[in-house]
Each structure stands twice: as C-alpha cells, then as structure tokens.
Amino acid sequence: MLAETVSVTGWGRTAPTAARLIRPRTYEEAAAAVRSCGARGGIARGLGRAYGDAAQNAGGAVLDMTGLDRIHAIDAAGGTVLCDAGVSLHRLMEVLLPLGWFVPVTPGTRQVTVGGAIGADIHGKNHHVAGSFSRHVLSFELLTADGTVRTVVPGTPLFDATTGGMGLTGIVLTATLRLQPVQTALMRVDTERADDLDDLMARLTRTDHRCRYSVAWIDLLARGAVTGRAVLTRGDHAPLDALPEGGRARRAPLAFRTSRLPAAPAFLPDGLLSRTTVGLFNELWYRRAPRTRTTRLQHLTAFFHPLDGVPHWNRVYGRGGFVQYQFVVGEGREETLRRIVRRLSDRRCPSFLAVLKRFGPADPGWLSFPAPGWTLAVDIPASLPGLGPFLDELDEEVAAAGGRVYLAKDARLRPDLLAAMYPRLDDFRALRAELDPRGVFMSDLARRLDL
C-alpha cells in the first residue's frame, strides 16, 4: 500500500490537518493498515462528506476505504444487498433501481459510502416514518483494534455503539442492507409555501404522516411577521400507473438518470455569499415556489440530491469554508426552535441553505443524532465575525432544552456540553475503552470531544 502525507478537511473545508493517507484495496490490506497506524492511531474515511473533523486525524493515519467497493450479492426477490462499506449510495442506486429497489434512507447527497452511512447513522427526509440508516442494516462485519473481524447484528451493544459512533469502534468492511421497493424512478411531489415558522410547523404537524418524505427550506433572512417563512416539499415514490402513457418515463420507468452542471471554480472570493446576494437568492427562491402545487412528477435524483448536480458546490463559500450547524430539539420544545430561528434571522446570517424536518422515534445508536422532534440544519460562512461565540450560545440553548447537535456535521462543539446532549456517552466510552484500550481508532473529532 502507498501512503502519502496530505492535508485533510471535512466538506465544510475548515480546520485542515495533515495525516498519512492510506488506500487499502483488500480486507487484508485494511487489517495491515490498522496494525501500522502508529501512536496517533487511524480513522476510516469514505467520500469526505462529513462536514467537520470526524474523518480527520492530525499526525496519524486516515484510511481511504473507497477502494473496497464491491457489491457481493443482491436478493432481488427479498430486497436485500450485501456490499463492501466503500460502496457509495450513488452506486447502489445505479445498480438497484433498475431492479425495482431503492436505498431505504438517503441524506441530501448520494456521494456517501455505506460505511460512512453506518458510522454517522445518517437520516433523510423520511425519518418520521423509516428511522435512520441503522434501522435497515441487517448485519455488518467490523474490523476491530485487535485485528478481529466480528459479525455485528442489531440489538447488541457493539451494533448500538458503532451506528452513529463515527468510526471509533472499528472499520466496517461489509454490510447487509434491507431495501425499499419502488415501481418507478420518479417521485410524486407536492409543494406549498408557509407564511412563517408557526405556519410551517402547523403544516408539518398536521400532515407529515401522510407522506413518506418531507422537508422545508427556510428563509433565515426574513424577519418580523414573516420570520421563518418557508417552502415545504413532500413526496413519495410514484407508482407505475401515475406515469403518462406513451412517454419516455413509461417506456423506461426505472431508469437511473442524473444531471450535472459545471463544477464550482476552485477559487472564489470569500465575500461572494453576502447578506445582499443571499437575500436576493432567498427572495427569488421563495417567490418562484408555487403557493400550492400537487402531484408534480420529478426524477428522484432531483428530489433527493439537487446539490449533487453541482460538483464541489462547497467551494462557493470561499477559502474560509463554512459550518453546517444542525441540532434537534424535542416535541414540546418548539419555543427553543422559534428562539433560535429568530436569533439566526436577527443576526442576518447569510445562509441560503436552511432545512427543517421532523424526526420520528429515536434510533438505538448510543451516539445516533435523531430524536423525536424538530431538526434544523443551517449552512453559515465560517468567516462570519463572532460566529464561534454565537454558536456556543446556541449549543447551550439546545442542551438546556434536552437537544443535541449532529456529530457528523460538527467542527466546534465544546466537550463540556456533550454528555448533556448524548446520555449514553459513558456507555460508549466504556465499550470503546474495552474494545480499543490503546486508542487505535482516533480522529480529530474524538480528541476534541474526548470520545
């Protein structure tokens, strides 16, 4: 295996650190890489879509697992797939969609590996009905610090520590997943505008159970009576009889299609996303959305992953990068959500990507992020003056309300708030100490938060 020292960042492009990058191509090479990590340990890395420092390891090793990318077996009758952890959700969709199956949970990008999906216990627009990714994992093989490969199944402590454990219990080598049956590659989509945050929450509470997928874009630059105005989008997989007769979609109903725009330039000025430019974008985006539109047909890649059509879209925030701040607060804590939205709006944070969803029941992972209630994700330029102290204040509000921030997005949380946010933290630390007493698996996130 070749190893080179490189500068590594998360998708937010903040806080780069140098590490030895190792690219194993076999399970044996992965085991050898773990044995050779050295005193600073190692961490698995997929396609680099964790926003913060979860897949960085200053002075240590980072194992690029994307070379382990085989799909081993598909049960087209029963709806399961066995694949390597380095397989991307994009690749699974390419292969499985023509067979009438879809991944059970997808985040806002399909450029995520299966191993990363397990380590972050990703969620999507359907958490209120389907839960997070781990609920659809039937088993996985985990390479642990002692070189043992263990088969891990739901309902065990190692499963619950690994799903959401940010790669700190070992390296996932393969996984068996339960799939979602579909008849077509299209979605039936409803869109409507909400006048303010209370109107949006009322609409979601009243009707969320009717749709498999729902998400709302919020204009965080709107203030006053229209604070939290939003565009709410709901959807479900279109059945075959919903497709127009004789059209292209009816002739190839399960075709996997993607669109691709030119990549964002490598260097963009840091001030490109100012309050003025983002305010103009937000105004146009809100106004162009229909007040109410039902049953529009849309290809699933456009519905789930619109930003995947713009390669390297994270560059638009300039050289300083950006922070994606995502938190969840429970049912009955709506006032905390209202207060945070007002604070973001009053501060005039230039964010064109702010997304609100409702979560369903909590998932079993000890460090899994979803919990019943409301989750807001916000992109904010890292260069915004005073951003660190401002987000620290929001963290304190979230923790006081019994909520938490998402570790897969985090790059700056104070460690003293972690235990309040994740009640099973001590269990996670104890199991990790037993499983990996020498700290073979290590990351910048783990050091920063003492995981």
Protein backbone atom coordinates (compact mmCIF):
# COMPACT_ATOMS: atom_id res chain seq x y z
CA MET A 1 0.00 0.00 0.00
CA LEU A 2 1.15 3.50 -0.79
CA ALA A 3 0.85 6.19 1.88
CA GLU A 4 1.28 9.91 1.43
CA THR A 5 1.03 12.82 3.83
CA VAL A 6 -1.81 15.11 2.79
CA SER A 7 -3.91 17.93 4.19
CA VAL A 8 -7.40 16.68 5.06
CA THR A 9 -10.59 18.62 5.75
CA GLY A 10 -14.28 17.88 6.04
CA TRP A 11 -16.83 19.04 3.48
CA GLY A 12 -17.00 22.40 5.23
CA ARG A 13 -13.32 22.98 4.36
CA THR A 14 -12.43 24.29 7.81
CA ALA A 15 -9.61 23.31 10.20
CA PRO A 16 -7.40 21.25 7.83
CA THR A 17 -4.94 18.83 9.44
CA ALA A 18 -2.16 16.70 7.96
CA ALA A 19 -2.29 12.90 8.05
CA ARG A 20 -0.87 9.85 6.30
CA LEU A 21 -3.45 8.80 3.72
CA ILE A 22 -3.56 5.02 3.17
CA ARG A 23 -5.66 3.39 0.46
CA PRO A 24 -6.32 -0.30 1.20
CA ARG A 25 -7.73 -2.37 -1.65
CA THR A 26 -8.43 -5.62 0.22
CA TYR A 27 -9.63 -6.61 3.67
CA GLU A 28 -6.11 -7.89 4.42
CA GLU A 29 -4.62 -4.54 3.48
CA ALA A 30 -7.15 -2.80 5.72
CA ALA A 31 -6.08 -5.00 8.63
CA ALA A 32 -2.42 -4.31 7.86
CA ALA A 33 -3.12 -0.57 7.75
CA VAL A 34 -4.74 -0.72 11.18
CA ARG A 35 -1.69 -2.53 12.58
CA SER A 36 0.61 0.14 11.14
CA CYS A 37 -1.33 3.21 12.28
CA GLY A 38 1.21 4.17 14.93
CA ALA A 39 0.85 6.16 18.14
CA ARG A 40 -1.64 8.66 16.69
CA GLY A 41 -3.99 5.95 15.51
CA GLY A 42 -6.15 5.90 12.39
CA ILE A 43 -9.67 6.59 11.19
CA ALA A 44 -11.64 5.32 8.21
CA ARG A 45 -12.73 7.83 5.58
CA GLY A 46 -15.20 7.46 2.74
CA LEU A 47 -16.13 10.19 0.28
CA GLY A 48 -15.41 13.04 2.66
CA ARG A 49 -18.98 14.32 3.15
CA ALA A 50 -18.76 14.67 6.94
CA TYR A 51 -18.79 18.45 7.30
CA GLY A 52 -16.43 18.71 10.26
CA ASP A 53 -13.40 16.80 11.56
CA ALA A 54 -14.83 13.31 12.01
CA ALA A 55 -12.68 11.80 9.22
CA GLN A 56 -9.50 13.76 10.01
CA ASN A 57 -6.61 12.59 12.19
CA ALA A 58 -3.83 15.11 12.75
CA GLY A 59 -0.43 13.43 12.72
CA GLY A 60 -1.93 9.97 12.36
CA ALA A 61 -3.39 7.82 9.60
CA VAL A 62 -6.54 8.23 7.52
CA LEU A 63 -7.69 5.09 5.70
CA ASP A 64 -9.45 5.83 2.41
CA MET A 65 -11.91 2.92 2.21
CA THR A 66 -13.38 3.74 -1.20
CA GLY A 67 -11.21 1.06 -2.83
CA LEU A 68 -13.32 -1.59 -1.11
CA ASP A 69 -16.35 -1.07 -3.31
CA ARG A 70 -17.73 -4.42 -4.42
CA ILE A 71 -21.40 -5.36 -4.44
CA HIS A 72 -21.29 -9.04 -3.47
CA ALA A 73 -24.89 -10.23 -3.64
CA ILE A 74 -28.37 -8.88 -4.37
CA ASP A 75 -31.55 -10.67 -3.37
CA ALA A 76 -33.89 -9.16 -5.95
CA ALA A 77 -36.83 -11.15 -4.57
CA GLY A 78 -36.32 -10.42 -0.89
CA GLY A 79 -34.92 -6.90 -1.23
CA THR A 80 -31.50 -7.11 0.41
CA VAL A 81 -27.97 -6.34 -0.71
CA LEU A 82 -24.55 -7.39 0.63
CA CYS A 83 -21.81 -4.92 -0.26
CA ASP A 84 -18.47 -3.52 0.81
CA ALA A 85 -18.51 -0.49 3.07
CA GLY A 86 -16.75 1.59 0.42
CA VAL A 87 -19.69 1.33 -2.00
CA SER A 88 -21.45 4.67 -2.43
CA LEU A 89 -25.19 5.22 -2.26
CA HIS A 90 -24.86 6.54 -5.82
CA ARG A 91 -23.50 3.18 -6.97
CA LEU A 92 -26.22 1.28 -5.12
CA MET A 93 -28.88 3.38 -6.83
CA GLU A 94 -27.32 2.76 -10.25
CA VAL A 95 -27.42 -0.99 -9.71
CA LEU A 96 -30.57 -1.47 -7.64
CA LEU A 97 -33.04 0.97 -9.18
CA PRO A 98 -33.41 -0.97 -12.47
CA LEU A 99 -34.27 -4.00 -10.30
CA GLY A 100 -37.08 -2.13 -8.54
CA TRP A 101 -35.28 -1.32 -5.31
CA PHE A 102 -34.07 1.89 -3.67
CA VAL A 103 -31.89 2.64 -0.67
CA PRO A 104 -34.03 2.84 2.48
CA VAL A 105 -32.56 6.12 3.73
CA THR A 106 -30.57 8.79 1.88
CA PRO A 107 -29.31 12.16 3.08
CA GLY A 108 -29.04 15.24 0.87
CA THR A 109 -26.21 13.67 -1.13
CA ARG A 110 -25.78 10.23 -2.64
CA GLN A 111 -21.99 10.66 -2.51
CA VAL A 112 -21.83 8.82 0.80
CA THR A 113 -20.36 5.37 1.41
CA VAL A 114 -22.24 2.62 3.19
CA GLY A 115 -19.56 2.62 5.89
CA GLY A 116 -19.98 6.35 6.37
CA ALA A 117 -23.77 5.96 6.45
CA ILE A 118 -23.41 3.47 9.31
CA GLY A 119 -20.76 5.44 11.19
CA ALA A 120 -22.84 8.64 11.08
CA ASP A 121 -26.18 6.77 11.23
CA ILE A 122 -27.45 9.08 8.53
CA HIS A 123 -31.05 10.23 8.27
CA GLY A 124 -33.14 11.55 5.42
CA LYS A 125 -36.43 13.19 4.59
CA ASN A 126 -38.26 10.05 5.73
CA HIS A 127 -37.05 9.71 9.32
CA HIS A 128 -40.55 10.27 10.67
CA VAL A 129 -41.64 7.01 9.02
CA ALA A 130 -38.45 5.00 8.39
CA GLY A 131 -35.97 5.98 11.08
CA SER A 132 -32.26 6.33 10.38
CA PHE A 133 -29.97 4.17 8.25
CA SER A 134 -29.15 1.73 11.05
CA ARG A 135 -32.74 0.51 11.24
CA HIS A 136 -32.27 -1.05 7.80
CA VAL A 137 -28.89 -2.68 8.46
CA LEU A 138 -29.29 -6.43 8.97
CA SER A 139 -25.64 -7.04 9.86
CA PHE A 140 -22.13 -5.76 9.19
CA GLU A 141 -18.58 -7.00 9.51
CA LEU A 142 -16.38 -4.85 11.74
CA LEU A 143 -12.59 -4.88 11.84
CA THR A 144 -11.69 -4.09 15.46
CA ALA A 145 -8.48 -2.84 17.04
CA ASP A 146 -7.15 -6.34 17.85
CA GLY A 147 -7.38 -7.35 14.18
CA THR A 148 -10.52 -9.46 14.67
CA VAL A 149 -13.34 -9.25 12.14
CA ARG A 150 -16.64 -9.51 14.00
CA THR A 151 -20.11 -10.01 12.59
CA VAL A 152 -22.32 -7.45 14.28
CA VAL A 153 -26.13 -7.61 14.36
CA PRO A 154 -28.86 -5.29 15.67
CA GLY A 155 -29.73 -5.49 19.33
CA THR A 156 -26.13 -5.87 20.52
CA PRO A 157 -24.03 -3.26 22.34
CA LEU A 158 -21.41 -3.23 19.57
CA PHE A 159 -24.10 -2.52 16.95
CA ASP A 160 -25.50 0.35 19.01
CA ALA A 161 -22.04 1.79 19.67
CA THR A 162 -20.98 1.58 16.02
CA THR A 163 -24.11 3.03 14.40
CA GLY A 164 -23.53 6.72 14.98
CA GLY A 165 -20.13 6.02 16.59
CA MET A 166 -18.25 8.00 13.92
CA GLY A 167 -15.86 5.16 13.08
CA LEU A 168 -14.37 4.90 16.57
CA THR A 169 -15.27 1.28 17.32
CA GLY A 170 -13.58 -0.11 14.20
CA ILE A 171 -13.75 -0.22 10.43
CA VAL A 172 -16.90 -1.52 8.74
CA LEU A 173 -15.84 -3.88 5.94
CA THR A 174 -19.16 -5.17 4.58
CA ALA A 175 -22.85 -4.65 5.34
CA THR A 176 -26.15 -6.32 4.52
CA LEU A 177 -28.98 -3.83 3.96
CA ARG A 178 -32.76 -4.09 3.67
CA LEU A 179 -34.06 -2.13 0.66
CA GLN A 180 -37.14 -0.08 -0.26
CA PRO A 181 -39.28 -1.43 -3.15
CA VAL A 182 -40.22 1.07 -5.87
CA GLN A 183 -42.11 0.81 -9.16
CA THR A 184 -40.53 3.81 -10.88
CA ALA A 185 -37.60 6.21 -10.67
CA LEU A 186 -39.95 9.18 -10.28
CA MET A 187 -41.45 10.93 -7.30
CA ARG A 188 -44.89 12.46 -6.83
CA VAL A 189 -44.14 15.82 -5.26
CA ASP A 190 -46.33 18.38 -3.51
CA THR A 191 -45.04 21.90 -2.85
CA GLU A 192 -46.51 24.73 -0.80
CA ARG A 193 -45.40 27.98 0.79
CA ALA A 194 -45.64 28.68 4.51
CA ASP A 195 -46.03 32.29 5.65
CA ASP A 196 -43.88 31.99 8.78
CA LEU A 197 -42.35 29.44 11.15
CA ASP A 198 -45.56 28.79 13.11
CA ASP A 199 -47.47 28.23 9.87
CA LEU A 200 -44.75 25.82 8.71
CA MET A 201 -44.73 23.80 11.95
CA ALA A 202 -48.53 23.58 11.91
CA ARG A 203 -48.50 22.23 8.35
CA LEU A 204 -45.83 19.65 9.17
CA THR A 205 -47.57 18.53 12.36
CA ARG A 206 -50.95 18.26 10.64
CA THR A 207 -49.93 16.39 7.50
CA ASP A 208 -46.44 14.86 7.89
CA HIS A 209 -47.82 11.37 8.49
CA ARG A 210 -49.40 11.33 5.02
CA CYS A 211 -46.11 11.41 3.10
CA ARG A 212 -43.03 9.26 3.19
CA TYR A 213 -40.70 12.22 2.59
CA SER A 214 -40.98 15.81 3.74
CA VAL A 215 -38.57 18.73 4.10
CA ALA A 216 -38.82 22.51 4.35
CA TRP A 217 -36.44 25.19 3.13
CA ILE A 218 -36.48 28.23 5.42
CA ASP A 219 -35.57 31.81 4.55
CA LEU A 220 -33.39 32.79 7.52
CA LEU A 221 -33.02 36.36 6.30
CA ALA A 222 -36.75 37.02 6.60
CA ARG A 223 -37.64 38.97 9.74
CA GLY A 224 -40.62 40.39 11.55
CA ALA A 225 -44.02 38.92 10.74
CA VAL A 226 -42.53 36.61 8.10
CA THR A 227 -39.70 35.17 10.22
CA GLY A 228 -39.23 31.55 9.24
CA ARG A 229 -41.20 31.73 6.00
CA ALA A 230 -40.59 28.55 4.09
CA VAL A 231 -41.15 26.31 1.10
CA LEU A 232 -42.44 22.90 2.16
CA THR A 233 -41.87 19.93 -0.13
CA ARG A 234 -43.38 16.47 0.32
CA GLY A 235 -43.11 13.42 -1.84
CA ASP A 236 -43.48 9.70 -2.32
CA HIS A 237 -42.37 7.17 -4.90
CA ALA A 238 -44.63 7.35 -7.94
CA PRO A 239 -46.43 4.12 -8.89
CA LEU A 240 -46.29 2.95 -12.46
CA ASP A 241 -49.87 3.97 -13.22
CA ALA A 242 -49.03 7.60 -12.32
CA LEU A 243 -46.70 7.92 -15.33
CA PRO A 244 -48.07 9.40 -18.57
CA GLU A 245 -48.97 6.83 -21.23
CA GLY A 246 -46.53 6.64 -24.11
CA GLY A 247 -43.95 8.94 -22.57
CA ARG A 248 -40.26 8.38 -22.02
CA ALA A 249 -40.75 7.68 -18.35
CA ARG A 250 -43.35 4.95 -19.04
CA ARG A 251 -41.00 3.30 -21.56
CA ALA A 252 -38.15 3.14 -19.02
CA PRO A 253 -39.79 3.65 -15.62
CA LEU A 254 -36.79 2.53 -13.56
CA ALA A 255 -34.04 4.33 -15.47
CA PHE A 256 -31.47 5.99 -13.20
CA ARG A 257 -30.74 9.46 -14.57
CA THR A 258 -28.57 12.27 -13.25
CA SER A 259 -27.85 15.81 -14.32
CA ARG A 260 -24.53 17.57 -13.96
CA LEU A 261 -23.71 21.26 -14.12
CA PRO A 262 -20.18 22.71 -14.39
CA ALA A 263 -18.14 22.39 -11.20
CA ALA A 264 -17.75 25.39 -8.94
CA PRO A 265 -14.39 27.11 -9.56
CA ALA A 266 -11.52 26.12 -7.28
CA PHE A 267 -11.09 29.69 -6.01
CA LEU A 268 -13.97 32.02 -5.25
CA PRO A 269 -13.87 35.27 -3.27
CA ASP A 270 -14.82 34.92 0.38
CA GLY A 271 -17.44 37.67 0.20
CA LEU A 272 -19.48 36.11 -2.59
CA LEU A 273 -22.22 34.98 -0.21
CA SER A 274 -23.03 38.32 1.38
CA ARG A 275 -26.32 39.25 3.06
CA THR A 276 -27.26 41.08 -0.13
CA THR A 277 -26.62 38.21 -2.55
CA VAL A 278 -28.12 35.57 -0.27
CA GLY A 279 -31.09 37.83 0.47
CA LEU A 280 -31.75 38.19 -3.25
CA PHE A 281 -31.46 34.44 -3.78
CA ASN A 282 -33.80 33.69 -0.88
CA GLU A 283 -36.39 36.18 -2.10
CA LEU A 284 -36.36 34.70 -5.60
CA TRP A 285 -36.45 31.13 -4.30
CA TYR A 286 -39.43 31.82 -2.08
CA ARG A 287 -41.36 33.79 -4.71
CA ARG A 288 -40.80 31.27 -7.50
CA ALA A 289 -42.20 28.44 -5.40
CA PRO A 290 -45.90 27.83 -6.01
CA ARG A 291 -48.25 28.68 -3.18
CA THR A 292 -49.70 25.22 -3.64
CA ARG A 293 -48.88 22.56 -6.24
CA THR A 294 -49.71 18.86 -6.02
CA THR A 295 -48.63 15.64 -7.70
CA ARG A 296 -45.81 17.01 -9.85
CA LEU A 297 -43.62 14.21 -11.22
CA GLN A 298 -39.89 14.63 -10.57
CA HIS A 299 -36.95 12.28 -11.01
CA LEU A 300 -35.73 11.01 -7.67
CA THR A 301 -32.18 12.34 -8.09
CA ALA A 302 -33.56 15.86 -8.48
CA PHE A 303 -35.87 15.39 -5.49
CA PHE A 304 -33.31 13.93 -3.10
CA HIS A 305 -29.98 15.34 -4.27
CA PRO A 306 -30.25 18.64 -6.15
CA LEU A 307 -26.81 19.82 -4.99
CA ASP A 308 -25.11 16.69 -6.35
CA GLY A 309 -25.62 18.20 -9.78
CA VAL A 310 -23.07 20.90 -8.91
CA PRO A 311 -19.66 19.28 -8.30
CA HIS A 312 -17.68 20.88 -5.49
CA TRP A 313 -20.56 23.17 -4.52
CA ASN A 314 -18.88 23.64 -1.13
CA ARG A 315 -16.40 25.97 -2.83
CA VAL A 316 -18.99 28.73 -3.14
CA TYR A 317 -18.31 29.70 0.47
CA GLY A 318 -14.77 30.77 -0.44
CA ARG A 319 -11.45 29.78 1.02
CA GLY A 320 -12.68 30.19 4.59
CA GLY A 321 -15.18 27.37 4.19
CA PHE A 322 -18.44 27.04 6.08
CA VAL A 323 -20.05 25.48 9.11
CA GLN A 324 -23.16 23.41 8.85
CA TYR A 325 -24.90 23.73 12.19
CA GLN A 326 -27.55 21.07 12.80
CA PHE A 327 -29.45 20.46 16.01
CA VAL A 328 -32.59 18.68 17.17
CA VAL A 329 -34.99 19.64 19.96
CA GLY A 330 -37.89 17.52 21.13
CA GLU A 331 -41.64 17.81 20.85
CA GLY A 332 -42.82 20.41 23.33
CA ARG A 333 -39.62 22.42 22.86
CA GLU A 334 -40.91 24.44 19.92
CA GLU A 335 -40.18 27.70 21.73
CA THR A 336 -36.46 26.85 21.68
CA LEU A 337 -36.68 26.32 17.92
CA ARG A 338 -38.55 29.62 17.48
CA ARG A 339 -35.99 31.48 19.57
CA ILE A 340 -33.03 30.05 17.62
CA VAL A 341 -34.64 30.85 14.28
CA ARG A 342 -35.29 34.41 15.46
CA ARG A 343 -31.69 34.76 16.64
CA LEU A 344 -30.36 33.50 13.31
CA SER A 345 -32.67 35.87 11.44
CA ASP A 346 -31.85 38.86 13.66
CA ARG A 347 -28.14 38.20 13.21
CA ARG A 348 -28.68 38.23 9.44
CA CYS A 349 -26.67 35.06 8.87
CA PRO A 350 -26.15 34.82 5.08
CA SER A 351 -27.46 31.28 4.70
CA PHE A 352 -29.17 30.13 1.52
CA LEU A 353 -29.36 26.53 2.76
CA ALA A 354 -31.51 26.15 5.88
CA VAL A 355 -33.60 23.00 6.20
CA LEU A 356 -36.22 21.99 8.77
CA LYS A 357 -37.51 18.42 9.21
CA ARG A 358 -39.45 16.42 11.77
CA PHE A 359 -37.89 13.34 13.31
CA GLY A 360 -39.74 10.24 14.40
CA PRO A 361 -38.79 7.87 17.25
CA ALA A 362 -35.17 7.83 18.40
CA ASP A 363 -32.78 5.28 16.93
CA PRO A 364 -30.90 2.75 19.09
CA GLY A 365 -27.37 4.01 18.42
CA TRP A 366 -25.77 5.42 21.57
CA LEU A 367 -24.43 8.43 19.65
CA SER A 368 -27.11 8.48 16.94
CA PHE A 369 -28.34 12.00 16.34
CA PRO A 370 -32.09 11.72 15.60
CA ALA A 371 -34.59 12.09 18.43
CA PRO A 372 -38.34 12.78 18.23
CA GLY A 373 -38.89 16.42 17.41
CA TRP A 374 -37.56 19.14 15.13
CA THR A 375 -34.20 19.35 13.40
CA LEU A 376 -32.78 22.44 11.72
CA ALA A 377 -29.64 22.41 9.55
CA VAL A 378 -28.03 25.71 8.55
CA ASP A 379 -25.01 26.49 6.35
CA ILE A 380 -23.09 29.55 7.59
CA PRO A 381 -19.84 31.00 6.18
CA ALA A 382 -17.08 30.26 8.68
CA SER A 383 -15.68 33.77 8.21
CA LEU A 384 -18.76 35.43 9.71
CA PRO A 385 -17.50 37.66 12.57
CA GLY A 386 -18.29 36.31 16.03
CA LEU A 387 -19.66 33.03 14.69
CA GLY A 388 -17.92 30.81 17.27
CA PRO A 389 -19.29 32.50 20.40
CA PHE A 390 -22.71 32.85 18.77
CA LEU A 391 -22.93 29.12 18.03
CA ASP A 392 -21.67 28.34 21.54
CA GLU A 393 -24.69 30.22 22.85
CA LEU A 394 -27.00 28.24 20.57
CA ASP A 395 -25.37 24.99 21.79
CA GLU A 396 -26.21 25.96 25.36
CA GLU A 397 -29.82 26.63 24.43
CA VAL A 398 -30.07 23.30 22.63
CA ALA A 399 -28.51 21.38 25.53
CA ALA A 400 -30.74 23.13 28.08
CA ALA A 401 -33.77 22.02 26.05
CA GLY A 402 -32.61 18.39 26.04
CA GLY A 403 -31.50 18.54 22.42
CA ARG A 404 -28.24 17.78 20.67
CA VAL A 405 -26.05 18.69 17.71
CA TYR A 406 -25.12 16.27 14.91
CA LEU A 407 -21.56 14.97 15.30
CA ALA A 408 -21.23 14.26 11.56
CA LYS A 409 -21.71 17.98 10.92
CA ASP A 410 -19.83 19.31 13.94
CA ALA A 411 -16.45 21.07 13.86
CA ARG A 412 -16.52 23.19 17.02
CA LEU A 413 -18.74 21.87 19.84
CA ARG A 414 -17.37 22.34 23.38
CA PRO A 415 -16.76 18.96 25.07
CA ASP A 416 -18.46 20.02 28.33
CA LEU A 417 -21.85 20.01 26.57
CA LEU A 418 -21.52 16.58 25.01
CA ALA A 419 -22.75 14.48 27.95
CA ALA A 420 -25.88 16.60 28.30
CA MET A 421 -26.65 16.05 24.63
CA TYR A 422 -25.85 12.32 24.47
CA PRO A 423 -26.99 10.47 27.64
CA ARG A 424 -25.34 7.18 26.54
CA LEU A 425 -21.91 8.80 26.18
CA ASP A 426 -20.45 6.99 29.22
CA ASP A 427 -21.60 3.64 27.83
CA PHE A 428 -19.92 4.46 24.53
CA ARG A 429 -16.68 5.46 26.21
CA ALA A 430 -16.64 2.34 28.38
CA LEU A 431 -17.20 -0.02 25.45
CA ARG A 432 -14.60 1.77 23.38
CA ALA A 433 -12.05 1.59 26.21
CA GLU A 434 -12.65 -2.16 26.50
CA LEU A 435 -12.58 -2.78 22.75
CA ASP A 436 -9.70 -0.44 21.90
CA PRO A 437 -7.61 0.27 25.03
CA ARG A 438 -4.65 1.62 23.03
CA GLY A 439 -6.74 4.10 21.07
CA VAL A 440 -6.00 2.56 17.67
CA PHE A 441 -9.06 4.27 16.17
CA MET A 442 -8.75 8.00 16.59
CA SER A 443 -9.88 11.20 14.89
CA ASP A 444 -9.70 14.94 15.39
CA LEU A 445 -13.35 14.80 16.48
CA ALA A 446 -12.57 12.12 19.08
CA ARG A 447 -9.66 14.13 20.55
CA ARG A 448 -11.61 17.37 20.60
CA LEU A 449 -14.61 15.86 22.38
CA ASP A 450 -12.81 13.14 24.37
CA LEU A 451 -14.87 10.40 22.80
